[in-house]
């Protein structure tokens, strides 16, 4: 399963990647990085922090769903 983890705290992203090691996990720390990843590849699931430094997780999720 391809997973995208979006969290502005790198340690949380790394922890989730380690916990989900049986999956193909991509970790991003900004909304801009996440948008680039979504444009470049498809994911089966997205785990997104609600409060990111450059955008809100809700806005980013709405953008991802619209894709």
Protein backbone atom coordinates (compact mmCIF):
# COMPACT_ATOMS: atom_id res chain seq x y z
CA UNK A 1 0.00 0.00 0.00
CA UNK A 2 1.29 3.48 -0.89
CA UNK A 3 0.85 5.97 1.93
CA UNK A 4 1.50 9.71 2.13
CA UNK A 5 2.24 11.14 5.59
CA UNK A 6 2.06 14.92 5.92
CA UNK A 7 3.29 16.40 9.20
CA UNK A 8 5.31 19.52 9.87
CA UNK A 9 7.14 17.78 12.71
CA UNK A 10 9.78 15.58 11.06
CA UNK A 11 10.05 13.24 14.08
CA UNK A 12 6.35 12.39 13.87
CA UNK A 13 6.64 11.68 10.16
CA UNK A 14 9.67 9.47 10.73
CA UNK A 15 7.94 7.62 13.57
CA UNK A 16 4.91 6.91 11.39
CA UNK A 17 7.17 5.73 8.57
CA UNK A 18 8.89 3.31 10.94
CA UNK A 19 5.59 2.06 12.36
CA UNK A 20 4.21 1.52 8.86
CA UNK A 21 7.40 -0.03 7.46
CA UNK A 22 5.53 -2.84 5.70
CA UNK A 23 4.07 -0.20 3.37
CA UNK A 24 5.57 2.19 0.83
CA UNK A 25 5.51 5.42 2.86
CA UNK A 26 6.34 8.90 1.59
CA UNK A 27 6.74 11.61 4.24
CA UNK A 28 6.39 15.34 3.59
CA UNK A 29 6.63 18.25 6.02
CA UNK A 30 4.80 20.99 4.10
CA UNK A 31 1.62 21.39 2.12
CA UNK A 32 3.63 22.40 -0.94
CA UNK A 33 5.70 19.21 -0.78
CA UNK A 34 2.53 17.16 -0.35
CA UNK A 35 0.93 18.78 -3.41
CA UNK A 36 4.01 17.96 -5.48
CA UNK A 37 3.91 14.33 -4.34
CA UNK A 38 0.19 14.01 -5.13
CA UNK A 39 0.77 15.51 -8.59
CA UNK A 40 3.63 13.06 -9.25
CA UNK A 41 2.18 9.81 -7.87
CA UNK A 42 -0.96 8.13 -6.59
CA UNK A 43 -1.50 7.06 -2.99
CA UNK A 44 -3.85 4.57 -1.38
CA UNK A 45 -4.17 6.62 1.82
CA UNK A 46 -3.08 9.94 3.26
CA UNK A 47 -2.35 10.74 6.91
CA UNK A 48 -2.37 14.50 7.37
CA UNK A 49 -1.74 16.73 10.36
CA UNK A 50 -4.54 19.28 10.80
CA UNK A 51 -2.20 22.19 11.54
CA UNK A 52 0.67 22.62 9.12
CA UNK A 53 3.06 25.54 8.92
CA UNK A 54 2.11 26.66 5.40
CA UNK A 55 -1.55 25.57 5.16
CA UNK A 56 -4.29 23.90 7.13
CA UNK A 57 -4.64 20.16 6.94
CA UNK A 58 -8.34 20.58 6.15
CA UNK A 59 -7.61 22.78 3.10
CA UNK A 60 -4.91 20.39 1.93
CA UNK A 61 -7.20 17.39 2.33
CA UNK A 62 -9.92 19.11 0.32
CA UNK A 63 -7.38 19.82 -2.42
CA UNK A 64 -6.21 16.18 -2.43
CA UNK A 65 -9.78 14.86 -2.60
CA UNK A 66 -10.49 17.15 -5.56
CA UNK A 67 -7.63 15.47 -7.44
